[in-house]
Amino acid sequence: MIRRNRSQNALHRHRRTLQRAPWLVGGLMAVLVVASFFGEMSIPKYWEMRKSAQALELEIQAMAKANAELRADISRLKSDPVRIEEVARERLGFVRKGETVYQVVDEPAKIGQAEPAK
């Protein structure tokens, strides 16, 4: 009889342990989820970093587009005489022979007079 009671007690303890295991695992998971909201690698930090990465991707795309436009402009400056002339006129003030250049200069304000309202 003693032997039977011991084995039944051991079986009963084993069943109780198996019944408690899901609760222990669930509790551990709950602690991990709560802990994930704090610290250096938390969930809010992850979402912030993800949003930042998306913004950087958009910036990279915009810079790649601007880079492609600049490369096309460089190519035109190397080979297109019309574009070369356009830049020379705009930036360097070059003029063709026989052209007359007119330069408009604002009249300087006289001392003691207020500037006209715009």
PDB file of N, CA and C in Angstrom:
ATOM      1  N   MET A   1       0.794  -1.189   0.000  1.00  0.00           N
ATOM      2  CA  MET A   1       0.000   0.000   0.000  1.00  0.00           C
ATOM      3  C   MET A   1       0.846   1.267   0.000  1.00  0.00           C
ATOM      4  N   ILE A   2       1.885   1.264   0.673  1.00  0.00           N
ATOM      5  CA  ILE A   2       2.762   2.418   0.717  1.00  0.00           C
ATOM      6  C   ILE A   2       3.301   2.708  -0.668  1.00  0.00           C
ATOM      7  N   ARG A   3       3.634   1.655  -1.322  1.00  0.00           N
ATOM      8  CA  ARG A   3       4.187   1.845  -2.651  1.00  0.00           C
ATOM      9  C   ARG A   3       3.160   2.460  -3.611  1.00  0.00           C
ATOM     10  N   ARG A   4       1.952   2.049  -3.519  1.00  0.00           N
ATOM     11  CA  ARG A   4       0.907   2.559  -4.386  1.00  0.00           C
ATOM     12  C   ARG A   4       0.687   4.055  -4.106  1.00  0.00           C
ATOM     13  N   ASN A   5       0.671   4.463  -2.884  1.00  0.00           N
ATOM     14  CA  ASN A   5       0.453   5.864  -2.549  1.00  0.00           C
ATOM     15  C   ASN A   5       1.591   6.732  -3.078  1.00  0.00           C
ATOM     16  N   ARG A   6       2.777   6.238  -2.952  1.00  0.00           N
ATOM     17  CA  ARG A   6       3.910   7.016  -3.446  1.00  0.00           C
ATOM     18  C   ARG A   6       3.830   7.205  -4.962  1.00  0.00           C
ATOM     19  N   SER A   7       3.514   6.193  -5.675  1.00  0.00           N
ATOM     20  CA  SER A   7       3.449   6.313  -7.129  1.00  0.00           C
ATOM     21  C   SER A   7       2.285   7.197  -7.541  1.00  0.00           C
ATOM     22  N   GLN A   8       1.164   7.117  -6.834  1.00  0.00           N
ATOM     23  CA  GLN A   8       0.046   7.994  -7.173  1.00  0.00           C
ATOM     24  C   GLN A   8       0.371   9.447  -6.830  1.00  0.00           C
ATOM     25  N   ASN A   9       1.076   9.660  -5.734  1.00  0.00           N
ATOM     26  CA  ASN A   9       1.481  11.032  -5.385  1.00  0.00           C
ATOM     27  C   ASN A   9       2.444  11.591  -6.434  1.00  0.00           C
ATOM     28  N   ALA A  10       3.346  10.751  -6.874  1.00  0.00           N
ATOM     29  CA  ALA A  10       4.293  11.194  -7.896  1.00  0.00           C
ATOM     30  C   ALA A  10       3.562  11.488  -9.206  1.00  0.00           C
ATOM     31  N   LEU A  11       2.603  10.653  -9.563  1.00  0.00           N
ATOM     32  CA  LEU A  11       1.817  10.869 -10.771  1.00  0.00           C
ATOM     33  C   LEU A  11       0.988  12.154 -10.642  1.00  0.00           C
ATOM     34  N   HIS A  12       0.416  12.369  -9.469  1.00  0.00           N
ATOM     35  CA  HIS A  12      -0.387  13.574  -9.231  1.00  0.00           C
ATOM     36  C   HIS A  12       0.491  14.829  -9.334  1.00  0.00           C
ATOM     37  N   ARG A  13       1.705  14.797  -8.762  1.00  0.00           N
ATOM     38  CA  ARG A  13       2.637  15.920  -8.848  1.00  0.00           C
ATOM     39  C   ARG A  13       3.056  16.182 -10.297  1.00  0.00           C
ATOM     40  N   HIS A  14       3.279  15.142 -11.024  1.00  0.00           N
ATOM     41  CA  HIS A  14       3.668  15.267 -12.433  1.00  0.00           C
ATOM     42  C   HIS A  14       2.548  15.920 -13.246  1.00  0.00           C
ATOM     43  N   ARG A  15       1.303  15.517 -12.986  1.00  0.00           N
ATOM     44  CA  ARG A  15       0.171  16.127 -13.675  1.00  0.00           C
ATOM     45  C   ARG A  15       0.035  17.603 -13.319  1.00  0.00           C
ATOM     46  N   ARG A  16       0.217  17.933 -12.041  1.00  0.00           N
ATOM     47  CA  ARG A  16       0.136  19.341 -11.622  1.00  0.00           C
ATOM     48  C   ARG A  16       1.220  20.173 -12.302  1.00  0.00           C
ATOM     49  N   THR A  17       2.407  19.621 -12.429  1.00  0.00           N
ATOM     50  CA  THR A  17       3.505  20.329 -13.091  1.00  0.00           C
ATOM     51  C   THR A  17       3.170  20.568 -14.554  1.00  0.00           C
ATOM     52  N   LEU A  18       2.612  19.568 -15.212  1.00  0.00           N
ATOM     53  CA  LEU A  18       2.231  19.721 -16.610  1.00  0.00           C
ATOM     54  C   LEU A  18       1.098  20.734 -16.781  1.00  0.00           C
ATOM     55  N   GLN A  19       0.221  20.830 -15.804  1.00  0.00           N
ATOM     56  CA  GLN A  19      -0.861  21.794 -15.874  1.00  0.00           C
ATOM     57  C   GLN A  19      -0.342  23.218 -15.639  1.00  0.00           C
ATOM     58  N   ARG A  20       0.693  23.364 -14.854  1.00  0.00           N
ATOM     59  CA  ARG A  20       1.252  24.683 -14.558  1.00  0.00           C
ATOM     60  C   ARG A  20       2.198  25.184 -15.646  1.00  0.00           C
ATOM     61  N   ALA A  21       2.741  24.299 -16.441  1.00  0.00           N
ATOM     62  CA  ALA A  21       3.734  24.681 -17.457  1.00  0.00           C
ATOM     63  C   ALA A  21       3.212  25.725 -18.436  1.00  0.00           C
ATOM     64  N   PRO A  22       2.011  25.568 -18.992  1.00  0.00           N
ATOM     65  CA  PRO A  22       1.533  26.623 -19.906  1.00  0.00           C
ATOM     66  C   PRO A  22       1.405  27.977 -19.222  1.00  0.00           C
ATOM     67  N   TRP A  23       0.992  27.962 -17.964  1.00  0.00           N
ATOM     68  CA  TRP A  23       0.878  29.231 -17.228  1.00  0.00           C
ATOM     69  C   TRP A  23       2.255  29.857 -17.018  1.00  0.00           C
ATOM     70  N   LEU A  24       3.234  29.038 -16.712  1.00  0.00           N
ATOM     71  CA  LEU A  24       4.588  29.554 -16.523  1.00  0.00           C
ATOM     72  C   LEU A  24       5.148  30.113 -17.833  1.00  0.00           C
ATOM     73  N   VAL A  25       4.944  29.397 -18.926  1.00  0.00           N
ATOM     74  CA  VAL A  25       5.413  29.868 -20.230  1.00  0.00           C
ATOM     75  C   VAL A  25       4.687  31.158 -20.613  1.00  0.00           C
ATOM     76  N   GLY A  26       3.370  31.198 -20.385  1.00  0.00           N
ATOM     77  CA  GLY A  26       2.599  32.410 -20.673  1.00  0.00           C
ATOM     78  C   GLY A  26       3.063  33.593 -19.837  1.00  0.00           C
ATOM     79  N   GLY A  27       3.338  33.350 -18.569  1.00  0.00           N
ATOM     80  CA  GLY A  27       3.840  34.416 -17.694  1.00  0.00           C
ATOM     81  C   GLY A  27       5.197  34.916 -18.141  1.00  0.00           C
ATOM     82  N   LEU A  28       6.054  34.004 -18.543  1.00  0.00           N
ATOM     83  CA  LEU A  28       7.372  34.392 -19.035  1.00  0.00           C
ATOM     84  C   LEU A  28       7.254  35.224 -20.306  1.00  0.00           C
ATOM     85  N   MET A  29       6.345  34.821 -21.196  1.00  0.00           N
ATOM     86  CA  MET A  29       6.125  35.585 -22.431  1.00  0.00           C
ATOM     87  C   MET A  29       5.584  36.983 -22.114  1.00  0.00           C
ATOM     88  N   ALA A  30       4.682  37.055 -21.142  1.00  0.00           N
ATOM     89  CA  ALA A  30       4.130  38.363 -20.750  1.00  0.00           C
ATOM     90  C   ALA A  30       5.229  39.270 -20.209  1.00  0.00           C
ATOM     91  N   VAL A  31       6.118  38.723 -19.417  1.00  0.00           N
ATOM     92  CA  VAL A  31       7.233  39.506 -18.876  1.00  0.00           C
ATOM     93  C   VAL A  31       8.128  39.990 -20.012  1.00  0.00           C
ATOM     94  N   LEU A  32       8.391  39.137 -20.980  1.00  0.00           N
ATOM     95  CA  LEU A  32       9.222  39.528 -22.117  1.00  0.00           C
ATOM     96  C   LEU A  32       8.557  40.626 -22.951  1.00  0.00           C
ATOM     97  N   VAL A  33       7.245  40.535 -23.140  1.00  0.00           N
ATOM     98  CA  VAL A  33       6.529  41.558 -23.910  1.00  0.00           C
ATOM     99  C   VAL A  33       6.581  42.896 -23.181  1.00  0.00           C
ATOM    100  N   VAL A  34       6.346  42.880 -21.882  1.00  0.00           N
ATOM    101  CA  VAL A  34       6.403  44.124 -21.099  1.00  0.00           C
ATOM    102  C   VAL A  34       7.816  44.680 -21.112  1.00  0.00           C
ATOM    103  N   ALA A  35       8.804  43.817 -20.997  1.00  0.00           N
ATOM    104  CA  ALA A  35      10.197  44.276 -20.999  1.00  0.00           C
ATOM    105  C   ALA A  35      10.590  44.851 -22.357  1.00  0.00           C
ATOM    106  N   SER A  36       9.937  44.415 -23.424  1.00  0.00           N
ATOM    107  CA  SER A  36      10.297  44.910 -24.756  1.00  0.00           C
ATOM    108  C   SER A  36       9.888  46.359 -24.971  1.00  0.00           C
ATOM    109  N   PHE A  37       9.058  46.915 -24.104  1.00  0.00           N
ATOM    110  CA  PHE A  37       8.658  48.314 -24.231  1.00  0.00           C
ATOM    111  C   PHE A  37       9.651  49.257 -23.561  1.00  0.00           C
ATOM    112  N   PHE A  38      10.656  48.723 -22.918  1.00  0.00           N
ATOM    113  CA  PHE A  38      11.641  49.533 -22.223  1.00  0.00           C
ATOM    114  C   PHE A  38      13.032  49.150 -22.688  1.00  0.00           C
ATOM    115  N   GLY A  39      13.972  50.047 -22.487  1.00  0.00           N
ATOM    116  CA  GLY A  39      15.357  49.735 -22.801  1.00  0.00           C
ATOM    117  C   GLY A  39      15.795  50.277 -24.139  1.00  0.00           C
ATOM    118  N   GLU A  40      17.011  49.938 -24.488  1.00  0.00           N
ATOM    119  CA  GLU A  40      17.643  50.470 -25.698  1.00  0.00           C
ATOM    120  C   GLU A  40      17.025  49.902 -26.968  1.00  0.00           C
ATOM    121  N   MET A  41      16.653  48.658 -26.978  1.00  0.00           N
ATOM    122  CA  MET A  41      16.085  48.027 -28.172  1.00  0.00           C
ATOM    123  C   MET A  41      14.606  47.727 -27.955  1.00  0.00           C
ATOM    124  N   SER A  42      13.851  48.734 -27.577  1.00  0.00           N
ATOM    125  CA  SER A  42      12.431  48.562 -27.301  1.00  0.00           C
ATOM    126  C   SER A  42      11.617  48.640 -28.584  1.00  0.00           C
ATOM    127  N   ILE A  43      10.365  48.267 -28.493  1.00  0.00           N
ATOM    128  CA  ILE A  43       9.479  48.304 -29.653  1.00  0.00           C
ATOM    129  C   ILE A  43       9.274  49.741 -30.139  1.00  0.00           C
ATOM    130  N   PRO A  44       8.998  50.717 -29.248  1.00  0.00           N
ATOM    131  CA  PRO A  44       8.874  52.098 -29.743  1.00  0.00           C
ATOM    132  C   PRO A  44      10.149  52.598 -30.424  1.00  0.00           C
ATOM    133  N   LYS A  45      11.298  52.213 -29.911  1.00  0.00           N
ATOM    134  CA  LYS A  45      12.567  52.596 -30.531  1.00  0.00           C
ATOM    135  C   LYS A  45      12.688  51.954 -31.919  1.00  0.00           C
ATOM    136  N   TYR A  46      12.242  50.714 -32.030  1.00  0.00           N
ATOM    137  CA  TYR A  46      12.274  50.018 -33.315  1.00  0.00           C
ATOM    138  C   TYR A  46      11.419  50.751 -34.339  1.00  0.00           C
ATOM    139  N   TRP A  47      10.199  51.151 -33.962  1.00  0.00           N
ATOM    140  CA  TRP A  47       9.320  51.857 -34.891  1.00  0.00           C
ATOM    141  C   TRP A  47       9.900  53.205 -35.277  1.00  0.00           C
ATOM    142  N   GLU A  48      10.537  53.881 -34.318  1.00  0.00           N
ATOM    143  CA  GLU A  48      11.185  55.167 -34.612  1.00  0.00           C
ATOM    144  C   GLU A  48      12.318  54.973 -35.618  1.00  0.00           C
ATOM    145  N   MET A  49      13.107  53.934 -35.417  1.00  0.00           N
ATOM    146  CA  MET A  49      14.211  53.660 -36.330  1.00  0.00           C
ATOM    147  C   MET A  49      13.691  53.259 -37.710  1.00  0.00           C
ATOM    148  N   ARG A  50      12.586  52.543 -37.748  1.00  0.00           N
ATOM    149  CA  ARG A  50      11.999  52.135 -39.025  1.00  0.00           C
ATOM    150  C   ARG A  50      11.499  53.352 -39.800  1.00  0.00           C
ATOM    151  N   LYS A  51      10.848  54.287 -39.105  1.00  0.00           N
ATOM    152  CA  LYS A  51      10.367  55.513 -39.747  1.00  0.00           C
ATOM    153  C   LYS A  51      11.548  56.340 -40.251  1.00  0.00           C
ATOM    154  N   SER A  52      12.607  56.400 -39.471  1.00  0.00           N
ATOM    155  CA  SER A  52      13.807  57.121 -39.882  1.00  0.00           C
ATOM    156  C   SER A  52      14.429  56.475 -41.118  1.00  0.00           C
ATOM    157  N   ALA A  53      14.451  55.160 -41.160  1.00  0.00           N
ATOM    158  CA  ALA A  53      15.010  54.454 -42.314  1.00  0.00           C
ATOM    159  C   ALA A  53      14.191  54.733 -43.575  1.00  0.00           C
ATOM    160  N   GLN A  54      12.873  54.803 -43.438  1.00  0.00           N
ATOM    161  CA  GLN A  54      12.027  55.111 -44.593  1.00  0.00           C
ATOM    162  C   GLN A  54      12.296  56.526 -45.091  1.00  0.00           C
ATOM    163  N   ALA A  55      12.470  57.476 -44.155  1.00  0.00           N
ATOM    164  CA  ALA A  55      12.770  58.851 -44.552  1.00  0.00           C
ATOM    165  C   ALA A  55      14.114  58.913 -45.276  1.00  0.00           C
ATOM    166  N   LEU A  56      15.082  58.157 -44.784  1.00  0.00           N
ATOM    167  CA  LEU A  56      16.390  58.135 -45.431  1.00  0.00           C
ATOM    168  C   LEU A  56      16.310  57.506 -46.820  1.00  0.00           C
ATOM    169  N   GLU A  57      15.477  56.489 -46.983  1.00  0.00           N
ATOM    170  CA  GLU A  57      15.296  55.880 -48.306  1.00  0.00           C
ATOM    171  C   GLU A  57      14.732  56.895 -49.299  1.00  0.00           C
ATOM    172  N   LEU A  58      13.747  57.682 -48.848  1.00  0.00           N
ATOM    173  CA  LEU A  58      13.183  58.720 -49.716  1.00  0.00           C
ATOM    174  C   LEU A  58      14.244  59.764 -50.073  1.00  0.00           C
ATOM    175  N   GLU A  59      15.070  60.115 -49.091  1.00  0.00           N
ATOM    176  CA  GLU A  59      16.143  61.085 -49.343  1.00  0.00           C
ATOM    177  C   GLU A  59      17.159  60.523 -50.333  1.00  0.00           C
ATOM    178  N   ILE A  60      17.472  59.253 -50.202  1.00  0.00           N
ATOM    179  CA  ILE A  60      18.408  58.614 -51.128  1.00  0.00           C
ATOM    180  C   ILE A  60      17.842  58.627 -52.546  1.00  0.00           C
ATOM    181  N   GLN A  61      16.539  58.334 -52.671  1.00  0.00           N
ATOM    182  CA  GLN A  61      15.916  58.345 -53.996  1.00  0.00           C
ATOM    183  C   GLN A  61      15.949  59.742 -54.608  1.00  0.00           C
ATOM    184  N   ALA A  62      15.673  60.764 -53.787  1.00  0.00           N
ATOM    185  CA  ALA A  62      15.699  62.144 -54.287  1.00  0.00           C
ATOM    186  C   ALA A  62      17.109  62.525 -54.720  1.00  0.00           C
ATOM    187  N   MET A  63      18.109  62.119 -53.937  1.00  0.00           N
ATOM    188  CA  MET A  63      19.493  62.431 -54.295  1.00  0.00           C
ATOM    189  C   MET A  63      19.931  61.675 -55.546  1.00  0.00           C
ATOM    190  N   ALA A  64      19.460  60.454 -55.705  1.00  0.00           N
ATOM    191  CA  ALA A  64      19.794  59.684 -56.912  1.00  0.00           C
ATOM    192  C   ALA A  64      19.196  60.358 -58.142  1.00  0.00           C
ATOM    193  N   LYS A  65      17.976  60.877 -57.994  1.00  0.00           N
ATOM    194  CA  LYS A  65      17.341  61.576 -59.118  1.00  0.00           C
ATOM    195  C   LYS A  65      18.109  62.854 -59.454  1.00  0.00           C
ATOM    196  N   ALA A  66      18.479  63.625 -58.422  1.00  0.00           N
ATOM    197  CA  ALA A  66      19.252  64.847 -58.653  1.00  0.00           C
ATOM    198  C   ALA A  66      20.605  64.521 -59.265  1.00  0.00           C
ATOM    199  N   ASN A  67      21.215  63.425 -58.823  1.00  0.00           N
ATOM    200  CA  ASN A  67      22.503  62.997 -59.349  1.00  0.00           C
ATOM    201  C   ASN A  67      22.392  62.649 -60.829  1.00  0.00           C
ATOM    202  N   ALA A  68      21.309  61.959 -61.192  1.00  0.00           N
ATOM    203  CA  ALA A  68      21.099  61.607 -62.603  1.00  0.00           C
ATOM    204  C   ALA A  68      20.916  62.860 -63.453  1.00  0.00           C
ATOM    205  N   GLU A  69      20.178  63.850 -62.915  1.00  0.00           N
ATOM    206  CA  GLU A  69      19.989  65.100 -63.649  1.00  0.00           C
ATOM    207  C   GLU A  69      21.319  65.832 -63.829  1.00  0.00           C
ATOM    208  N   LEU A  70      22.143  65.838 -62.781  1.00  0.00           N
ATOM    209  CA  LEU A  70      23.451  66.492 -62.886  1.00  0.00           C
ATOM    210  C   LEU A  70      24.359  65.771 -63.888  1.00  0.00           C
ATOM    211  N   ARG A  71      24.305  64.444 -63.899  1.00  0.00           N
ATOM    212  CA  ARG A  71      25.105  63.686 -64.870  1.00  0.00           C
ATOM    213  C   ARG A  71      24.665  64.005 -66.302  1.00  0.00           C
ATOM    214  N   ALA A  72      23.348  64.140 -66.506  1.00  0.00           N
ATOM    215  CA  ALA A  72      22.839  64.482 -67.832  1.00  0.00           C
ATOM    216  C   ALA A  72      23.297  65.882 -68.225  1.00  0.00           C
ATOM    217  N   ASP A  73      23.295  66.818 -67.263  1.00  0.00           N
ATOM    218  CA  ASP A  73      23.742  68.182 -67.544  1.00  0.00           C
ATOM    219  C   ASP A  73      25.239  68.200 -67.866  1.00  0.00           C
ATOM    220  N   ILE A  74      26.007  67.400 -67.151  1.00  0.00           N
ATOM    221  CA  ILE A  74      27.448  67.313 -67.438  1.00  0.00           C
ATOM    222  C   ILE A  74      27.658  66.777 -68.845  1.00  0.00           C
ATOM    223  N   SER A  75      26.904  65.759 -69.204  1.00  0.00           N
ATOM    224  CA  SER A  75      27.024  65.188 -70.545  1.00  0.00           C
ATOM    225  C   SER A  75      26.693  66.231 -71.613  1.00  0.00           C
ATOM    226  N   ARG A  76      25.630  67.003 -71.359  1.00  0.00           N
ATOM    227  CA  ARG A  76      25.255  68.054 -72.318  1.00  0.00           C
ATOM    228  C   ARG A  76      26.337  69.128 -72.395  1.00  0.00           C
ATOM    229  N   LEU A  77      26.927  69.472 -71.244  1.00  0.00           N
ATOM    230  CA  LEU A  77      27.985  70.495 -71.244  1.00  0.00           C
ATOM    231  C   LEU A  77      29.221  70.021 -71.999  1.00  0.00           C
ATOM    232  N   LYS A  78      29.458  68.727 -72.032  1.00  0.00           N
ATOM    233  CA  LYS A  78      30.616  68.205 -72.745  1.00  0.00           C
ATOM    234  C   LYS A  78      30.401  68.142 -74.253  1.00  0.00           C
ATOM    235  N   SER A  79      29.136  67.983 -74.675  1.00  0.00           N
ATOM    236  CA  SER A  79      28.930  67.725 -76.092  1.00  0.00           C
ATOM    237  C   SER A  79      27.969  68.679 -76.805  1.00  0.00           C
ATOM    238  N   ASP A  80      27.112  69.387 -76.099  1.00  0.00           N
ATOM    239  CA  ASP A  80      26.084  70.210 -76.730  1.00  0.00           C
ATOM    240  C   ASP A  80      26.540  71.674 -76.798  1.00  0.00           C
ATOM    241  N   PRO A  81      26.843  72.193 -77.998  1.00  0.00           N
ATOM    242  CA  PRO A  81      27.315  73.580 -78.114  1.00  0.00           C
ATOM    243  C   PRO A  81      26.258  74.609 -77.693  1.00  0.00           C
ATOM    244  N   VAL A  82      25.011  74.302 -77.865  1.00  0.00           N
ATOM    245  CA  VAL A  82      23.950  75.231 -77.459  1.00  0.00           C
ATOM    246  C   VAL A  82      23.951  75.395 -75.942  1.00  0.00           C
ATOM    247  N   ARG A  83      24.098  74.275 -75.225  1.00  0.00           N
ATOM    248  CA  ARG A  83      24.126  74.340 -73.758  1.00  0.00           C
ATOM    249  C   ARG A  83      25.379  75.059 -73.271  1.00  0.00           C
ATOM    250  N   ILE A  84      26.495  74.834 -73.934  1.00  0.00           N
ATOM    251  CA  ILE A  84      27.744  75.506 -73.564  1.00  0.00           C
ATOM    252  C   ILE A  84      27.588  77.009 -73.715  1.00  0.00           C
ATOM    253  N   GLU A  85      26.994  77.439 -74.832  1.00  0.00           N
ATOM    254  CA  GLU A  85      26.783  78.874 -75.050  1.00  0.00           C
ATOM    255  C   GLU A  85      25.831  79.449 -74.000  1.00  0.00           C
ATOM    256  N   GLU A  86      24.791  78.708 -73.701  1.00  0.00           N
ATOM    257  CA  GLU A  86      23.811  79.158 -72.709  1.00  0.00           C
ATOM    258  C   GLU A  86      24.468  79.407 -71.354  1.00  0.00           C
ATOM    259  N   VAL A  87      25.305  78.480 -70.920  1.00  0.00           N
ATOM    260  CA  VAL A  87      25.987  78.624 -69.634  1.00  0.00           C
ATOM    261  C   VAL A  87      26.989  79.771 -69.686  1.00  0.00           C
ATOM    262  N   ALA A  88      27.698  79.900 -70.799  1.00  0.00           N
ATOM    263  CA  ALA A  88      28.678  80.988 -70.932  1.00  0.00           C
ATOM    264  C   ALA A  88      27.980  82.343 -70.856  1.00  0.00           C
ATOM    265  N   ARG A  89      26.827  82.470 -71.448  1.00  0.00           N
ATOM    266  CA  ARG A  89      26.091  83.738 -71.397  1.00  0.00           C
ATOM    267  C   ARG A  89      25.558  84.014 -69.988  1.00  0.00           C
ATOM    268  N   GLU A  90      24.978  82.994 -69.366  1.00  0.00           N
ATOM    269  CA  GLU A  90      24.370  83.182 -68.043  1.00  0.00           C
ATOM    270  C   GLU A  90      25.406  83.458 -66.967  1.00  0.00           C
ATOM    271  N   ARG A  91      26.385  82.602 -66.859  1.00  0.00           N
ATOM    272  CA  ARG A  91      27.317  82.667 -65.728  1.00  0.00           C
ATOM    273  C   ARG A  91      28.513  83.584 -65.976  1.00  0.00           C
ATOM    274  N   LEU A  92      28.968  83.629 -67.208  1.00  0.00           N
ATOM    275  CA  LEU A  92      30.186  84.374 -67.480  1.00  0.00           C
ATOM    276  C   LEU A  92      29.934  85.710 -68.181  1.00  0.00           C
ATOM    277  N   GLY A  93      28.706  85.917 -68.630  1.00  0.00           N
ATOM    278  CA  GLY A  93      28.375  87.186 -69.279  1.00  0.00           C
ATOM    279  C   GLY A  93      28.965  87.331 -70.671  1.00  0.00           C
ATOM    280  N   PHE A  94      29.216  86.239 -71.348  1.00  0.00           N
ATOM    281  CA  PHE A  94      29.770  86.306 -72.699  1.00  0.00           C
ATOM    282  C   PHE A  94      28.742  86.867 -73.680  1.00  0.00           C
ATOM    283  N   VAL A  95      29.275  87.544 -74.714  1.00  0.00           N
ATOM    284  CA  VAL A  95      28.428  88.165 -75.728  1.00  0.00           C
ATOM    285  C   VAL A  95      29.034  87.841 -77.086  1.00  0.00           C
ATOM    286  N   ARG A  96      28.175  87.656 -78.097  1.00  0.00           N
ATOM    287  CA  ARG A  96      28.659  87.424 -79.452  1.00  0.00           C
ATOM    288  C   ARG A  96      29.079  88.744 -80.077  1.00  0.00           C
ATOM    289  N   LYS A  97      29.890  88.620 -81.116  1.00  0.00           N
ATOM    290  CA  LYS A  97      30.293  89.822 -81.847  1.00  0.00           C
ATOM    291  C   LYS A  97      29.072  90.468 -82.468  1.00  0.00           C
ATOM    292  N   GLY A  98      29.034  91.775 -82.385  1.00  0.00           N
ATOM    293  CA  GLY A  98      27.936  92.515 -82.986  1.00  0.00           C
ATOM    294  C   GLY A  98      26.726  92.678 -82.066  1.00  0.00           C
ATOM    295  N   GLU A  99      26.687  91.991 -80.928  1.00  0.00           N
ATOM    296  CA  GLU A  99      25.569  92.147 -79.999  1.00  0.00           C
ATOM    297  C   GLU A  99      25.823  93.352 -79.099  1.00  0.00           C
ATOM    298  N   THR A 100      24.758  94.028 -78.752  1.00  0.00           N
ATOM    299  CA  THR A 100      24.850  95.162 -77.837  1.00  0.00           C
ATOM    300  C   THR A 100      24.265  94.733 -76.501  1.00  0.00           C
ATOM    301  N   VAL A 101      25.011  95.020 -75.445  1.00  0.00           N
ATOM    302  CA  VAL A 101      24.586  94.635 -74.107  1.00  0.00           C
ATOM    303  C   VAL A 101      24.084  95.872 -73.382  1.00  0.00           C
ATOM    304  N   TYR A 102      22.922  95.746 -72.795  1.00  0.00           N
ATOM    305  CA  TYR A 102      22.364  96.818 -71.981  1.00  0.00           C
ATOM    306  C   TYR A 102      22.311  96.328 -70.550  1.00  0.00           C
ATOM    307  N   GLN A 103      22.816  97.159 -69.663  1.00  0.00           N
ATOM    308  CA  GLN A 103      22.819  96.792 -68.264  1.00  0.00           C
ATOM    309  C   GLN A 103      21.932  97.776 -67.517  1.00  0.00           C
ATOM    310  N   VAL A 104      20.927  97.259 -66.831  1.00  0.00           N
ATOM    311  CA  VAL A 104      19.997  98.111 -66.093  1.00  0.00           C
ATOM    312  C   VAL A 104      20.499  98.225 -64.662  1.00  0.00           C
ATOM    313  N   VAL A 105      20.693  99.481 -64.238  1.00  0.00           N
ATOM    314  CA  VAL A 105      21.192  99.737 -62.887  1.00  0.00           C
ATOM    315  C   VAL A 105      20.146 100.558 -62.155  1.00  0.00           C
ATOM    316  N   ASP A 106      19.801 100.152 -60.941  1.00  0.00           N
ATOM    317  CA  ASP A 106      18.862 100.913 -60.138  1.00  0.00           C
ATOM    318  C   ASP A 106      19.523 102.215 -59.692  1.00  0.00           C
ATOM    319  N   GLU A 107      18.716 103.255 -59.613  1.00  0.00           N
ATOM    320  CA  GLU A 107      19.223 104.542 -59.164  1.00  0.00           C
ATOM    321  C   GLU A 107      19.488 104.451 -57.672  1.00  0.00           C
ATOM    322  N   PRO A 108      20.677 104.833 -57.233  1.00  0.00           N
ATOM    323  CA  PRO A 108      20.974 104.735 -55.799  1.00  0.00           C
ATOM    324  C   PRO A 108      20.094 105.705 -55.006  1.00  0.00           C
ATOM    325  N   ALA A 109      19.713 105.303 -53.807  1.00  0.00           N
ATOM    326  CA  ALA A 109      18.885 106.148 -52.948  1.00  0.00           C
ATOM    327  C   ALA A 109      19.703 107.341 -52.479  1.00  0.00           C
ATOM    328  N   LYS A 110      19.064 108.499 -52.489  1.00  0.00           N
ATOM    329  CA  LYS A 110      19.750 109.723 -52.037  1.00  0.00           C
ATOM    330  C   LYS A 110      19.753 109.756 -50.527  1.00  0.00           C
ATOM    331  N   ILE A 111      20.754 110.389 -49.973  1.00  0.00           N
ATOM    332  CA  ILE A 111      20.889 110.472 -48.529  1.00  0.00           C
ATOM    333  C   ILE A 111      19.740 111.306 -47.967  1.00  0.00           C
ATOM    334  N   GLY A 112      19.098 110.785 -46.916  1.00  0.00           N
ATOM    335  CA  GLY A 112      18.019 111.507 -46.263  1.00  0.00           C
ATOM    336  C   GLY A 112      16.656 111.155 -46.822  1.00  0.00           C
ATOM    337  N   GLN A 113      16.583 110.421 -47.915  1.00  0.00           N
ATOM    338  CA  GLN A 113      15.277 110.055 -48.471  1.00  0.00           C
ATOM    339  C   GLN A 113      14.970 108.594 -48.107  1.00  0.00           C
ATOM    340  N   ALA A 114      13.710 108.376 -47.820  1.00  0.00           N
ATOM    341  CA  ALA A 114      13.276 107.020 -47.537  1.00  0.00           C
ATOM    342  C   ALA A 114      13.088 106.284 -48.848  1.00  0.00           C
ATOM    343  N   GLU A 115      13.328 104.985 -48.822  1.00  0.00           N
ATOM    344  CA  GLU A 115      13.134 104.185 -50.031  1.00  0.00           C
ATOM    345  C   GLU A 115      11.657 104.032 -50.298  1.00  0.00           C
ATOM    346  N   PRO A 116      11.271 103.976 -51.556  1.00  0.00           N
ATOM    347  CA  PRO A 116       9.833 103.836 -51.871  1.00  0.00           C
ATOM    348  C   PRO A 116       9.303 102.484 -51.396  1.00  0.00           C
ATOM    349  N   ALA A 117       8.047 102.502 -50.972  1.00  0.00           N
ATOM    350  CA  ALA A 117       7.396 101.276 -50.493  1.00  0.00           C
ATOM    351  C   ALA A 117       7.117 100.355 -51.674  1.00  0.00           C
ATOM    352  N   LYS A 118       7.266  99.099 -51.428  1.00  0.00           N
ATOM    353  CA  LYS A 118       7.053  98.114 -52.489  1.00  0.00           C
ATOM    354  C   LYS A 118       5.696  97.531 -52.405  1.00  0.00           C
TER     355      LYS A 118
END
